Amino acid sequence: MKNNIFGLSILFILFFSACSLTSENMNSIFNFSQSSKINDWKVVNDDVMGGISRASFDLNTEGDAEFKGTVSTANNGGFASVRYRFKAKDITKKKTITIRLRGDSKRYQFRIKSKATDYYSYITAFSTMGDWETIHINLKDLYPSFRGNKLNKENFNGSSIEEISFLIANQKDENFKLIIDKIEIN
């Protein structure tokens, strides 16, 4: 009898642990750790159009992502970005993107695309305080933009996303560092 109760207890613990992990993973877009594979994160700077801004995206010793570099307005440049494309994520019942990060008191943009092949992104800007913080972005507040111009379209109301990105473009020369712990959708 003791063995059956012990066995059932173990099964009960494993079942509820699996349920909790599944629920957490369903909300996670990316949760950085020392074992994270970040090969699908791609840096895109203004050098695609002649600029000389430079950026990198790596894991630090704590396992957080570091998006850092130098933005230069020389040669009509002025931006650095990093993007992550993934299999379409159903967000039908989701309303908010939550990001735990530590910035450098600078302003950044967060961007999403319903389809990775869309020519425009839905964007919003956020300022960082210099300490760890959690920012909440309402999906319905993301507006469509292409090359810095707001488009005459509705704000985001899609049912899935395939790409997220971070961009810095404050119309000045500056060094930057944005540390990202996790990105979730709720």
Protein backbone atom coordinates (compact mmCIF):
# COMPACT_ATOMS: atom_id res chain seq x y z
CA MET A 1 0.00 0.00 0.00
CA LYS A 2 2.85 2.41 0.89
CA ASN A 3 4.51 1.82 -2.49
CA ASN A 4 1.25 2.63 -4.33
CA ILE A 5 0.76 5.88 -2.41
CA PHE A 6 4.40 6.82 -2.97
CA GLY A 7 4.08 6.01 -6.70
CA LEU A 8 0.87 8.02 -7.02
CA SER A 9 2.50 10.94 -5.19
CA ILE A 10 5.41 10.94 -7.65
CA LEU A 11 3.01 10.81 -10.62
CA PHE A 12 0.96 13.66 -9.15
CA ILE A 13 4.08 15.83 -8.71
CA LEU A 14 5.34 15.06 -12.23
CA PHE A 15 1.92 15.78 -13.78
CA PHE A 16 1.54 19.17 -12.12
CA SER A 17 5.17 20.09 -12.85
CA ALA A 18 4.59 19.31 -16.52
CA CYS A 19 1.38 21.38 -16.54
CA SER A 20 3.19 24.34 -15.01
CA LEU A 21 6.08 24.11 -17.50
CA THR A 22 3.68 23.88 -20.44
CA SER A 23 1.76 26.92 -19.25
CA GLU A 24 4.98 28.91 -18.76
CA ASN A 25 6.36 27.89 -22.17
CA MET A 26 3.11 28.87 -23.89
CA ASN A 27 3.62 32.46 -22.71
CA SER A 28 7.34 32.59 -23.35
CA ILE A 29 8.72 34.14 -26.51
CA PHE A 30 12.29 33.86 -25.22
CA ASN A 31 13.70 33.24 -21.74
CA PHE A 32 17.46 33.79 -21.77
CA SER A 33 19.86 31.58 -19.80
CA GLN A 34 23.47 30.47 -20.04
CA SER A 35 22.35 27.54 -22.21
CA SER A 36 20.22 29.64 -24.60
CA LYS A 37 20.77 29.17 -28.30
CA ILE A 38 20.76 32.68 -29.76
CA ASN A 39 21.76 31.85 -33.35
CA ASP A 40 18.33 32.94 -34.64
CA TRP A 41 18.78 36.47 -33.25
CA LYS A 42 20.16 38.63 -36.09
CA VAL A 43 21.74 42.08 -35.79
CA VAL A 44 20.68 44.53 -38.52
CA ASN A 45 22.39 47.94 -38.50
CA ASP A 46 22.28 51.00 -40.72
CA ASP A 47 25.23 49.61 -42.71
CA VAL A 48 22.55 48.01 -44.92
CA MET A 49 22.12 51.56 -46.32
CA GLY A 50 25.64 52.99 -45.97
CA GLY A 51 25.73 53.84 -42.25
CA ILE A 52 28.50 52.87 -39.85
CA SER A 53 26.63 51.96 -36.65
CA ARG A 54 27.81 48.73 -35.00
CA ALA A 55 26.06 46.35 -32.63
CA SER A 56 26.38 42.88 -31.18
CA PHE A 57 24.03 40.44 -29.47
CA ASP A 58 25.54 37.95 -27.03
CA LEU A 59 24.89 36.21 -23.72
CA ASN A 60 26.61 37.67 -20.65
CA THR A 61 28.04 35.62 -17.77
CA GLU A 62 24.67 35.68 -15.95
CA GLY A 63 22.90 34.20 -19.00
CA ASP A 64 21.09 37.37 -20.01
CA ALA A 65 21.17 38.73 -23.57
CA GLU A 66 23.21 41.87 -24.21
CA PHE A 67 22.35 44.04 -27.19
CA LYS A 68 25.09 46.67 -27.28
CA GLY A 69 27.09 48.86 -29.59
CA THR A 70 27.50 52.33 -31.04
CA VAL A 71 24.99 54.28 -33.11
CA SER A 72 26.46 56.77 -35.57
CA THR A 73 24.53 59.31 -37.64
CA ALA A 74 27.41 59.51 -40.17
CA ASN A 75 26.66 58.58 -43.79
CA ASN A 76 22.90 59.09 -43.25
CA GLY A 77 22.90 56.30 -40.65
CA GLY A 78 21.56 56.29 -37.14
CA PHE A 79 20.15 52.93 -36.05
CA ALA A 80 21.05 49.51 -34.70
CA SER A 81 18.65 46.63 -34.22
CA VAL A 82 18.37 42.96 -33.40
CA ARG A 83 15.53 40.71 -34.57
CA TYR A 84 14.28 37.25 -33.75
CA ARG A 85 12.18 35.25 -36.22
CA PHE A 86 10.30 32.16 -35.08
CA LYS A 87 7.49 29.80 -36.00
CA ALA A 88 4.15 31.64 -35.91
CA LYS A 89 2.94 32.02 -32.33
CA ASP A 90 -0.82 32.11 -31.79
CA ILE A 91 -1.66 35.17 -29.70
CA THR A 92 -5.44 35.14 -30.17
CA LYS A 93 -6.19 35.50 -26.45
CA LYS A 94 -3.10 37.54 -25.57
CA LYS A 95 -3.06 41.27 -24.88
CA THR A 96 0.36 42.20 -23.51
CA ILE A 97 4.05 41.69 -24.19
CA THR A 98 6.05 41.67 -20.95
CA ILE A 99 9.81 42.21 -21.04
CA ARG A 100 12.21 42.03 -18.11
CA LEU A 101 15.25 44.11 -18.94
CA ARG A 102 17.92 46.48 -17.73
CA GLY A 103 18.61 49.48 -19.90
CA ASP A 104 20.99 52.39 -19.88
CA SER A 105 18.49 55.25 -19.45
CA LYS A 106 18.06 55.46 -23.23
CA ARG A 107 15.01 55.15 -25.46
CA TYR A 108 14.42 52.00 -27.56
CA GLN A 109 11.75 50.67 -29.87
CA PHE A 110 10.09 47.29 -29.58
CA ARG A 111 8.71 45.90 -32.85
CA ILE A 112 6.63 42.93 -33.93
CA LYS A 113 5.54 41.48 -37.26
CA SER A 114 2.53 39.26 -37.88
CA LYS A 115 4.41 37.71 -40.79
CA ALA A 116 8.19 37.83 -41.02
CA THR A 117 7.82 38.77 -44.70
CA ASP A 118 5.70 41.91 -44.02
CA TYR A 119 7.50 45.05 -45.18
CA TYR A 120 6.35 47.02 -42.12
CA SER A 121 6.45 46.46 -38.36
CA TYR A 122 4.14 47.36 -35.50
CA ILE A 123 6.13 49.44 -33.06
CA THR A 124 6.20 51.30 -29.78
CA ALA A 125 8.94 53.18 -27.96
CA PHE A 126 9.98 52.75 -24.34
CA SER A 127 12.52 54.46 -22.10
CA THR A 128 14.77 52.57 -19.71
CA MET A 129 15.69 53.62 -16.17
CA GLY A 130 19.14 52.05 -15.77
CA ASP A 131 17.98 49.35 -13.32
CA TRP A 132 16.19 46.03 -13.77
CA GLU A 133 12.57 46.66 -14.68
CA THR A 134 9.60 44.94 -16.25
CA ILE A 135 7.85 46.77 -19.04
CA HIS A 136 4.36 45.93 -20.29
CA ILE A 137 3.37 46.68 -23.89
CA ASN A 138 -0.28 46.51 -24.90
CA LEU A 139 -0.49 44.85 -28.32
CA LYS A 140 -3.34 47.15 -29.39
CA ASP A 141 -1.06 50.18 -28.84
CA LEU A 142 1.53 49.03 -31.40
CA TYR A 143 1.21 51.14 -34.55
CA PRO A 144 2.33 50.26 -38.09
CA SER A 145 5.53 51.89 -39.31
CA PHE A 146 7.94 51.56 -42.23
CA ARG A 147 11.36 53.24 -42.34
CA GLY A 148 10.42 55.62 -39.54
CA ASN A 149 7.09 56.65 -41.04
CA LYS A 150 3.76 55.85 -39.43
CA LEU A 151 1.47 54.12 -41.91
CA ASN A 152 -2.19 54.87 -42.47
CA LYS A 153 -3.33 51.49 -41.14
CA GLU A 154 -4.98 50.24 -37.96
CA ASN A 155 -2.95 49.46 -34.86
CA PHE A 156 -2.00 45.83 -34.31
CA ASN A 157 -4.94 43.42 -34.13
CA GLY A 158 -3.35 40.23 -35.46
CA SER A 159 -3.80 36.70 -34.19
CA SER A 160 -0.17 35.60 -34.53
CA ILE A 161 3.38 36.94 -34.60
CA GLU A 162 6.52 35.63 -36.32
CA GLU A 163 9.12 38.28 -35.48
CA ILE A 164 10.12 40.60 -32.67
CA SER A 165 12.92 43.15 -32.64
CA PHE A 166 14.59 45.85 -30.57
CA LEU A 167 15.89 49.01 -32.24
CA ILE A 168 17.71 52.12 -31.07
CA ALA A 169 17.52 55.26 -33.23
CA ASN A 170 17.57 58.45 -31.16
CA GLN A 171 18.91 60.71 -33.94
CA LYS A 172 22.29 61.12 -32.24
CA ASP A 173 25.64 59.42 -31.89
CA GLU A 174 25.67 57.24 -28.77
CA ASN A 175 26.85 54.03 -27.17
CA PHE A 176 24.13 51.74 -25.85
CA LYS A 177 23.59 48.54 -23.88
CA LEU A 178 20.26 46.80 -23.34
CA ILE A 179 20.25 43.63 -21.19
CA ILE A 180 17.26 41.32 -21.67
CA ASP A 181 16.23 38.55 -19.27
CA LYS A 182 12.94 37.34 -20.78
CA ILE A 183 10.13 38.20 -23.18
CA GLU A 184 6.62 36.87 -22.61
CA ILE A 185 3.17 37.33 -24.06
CA ASN A 186 0.16 37.34 -21.73
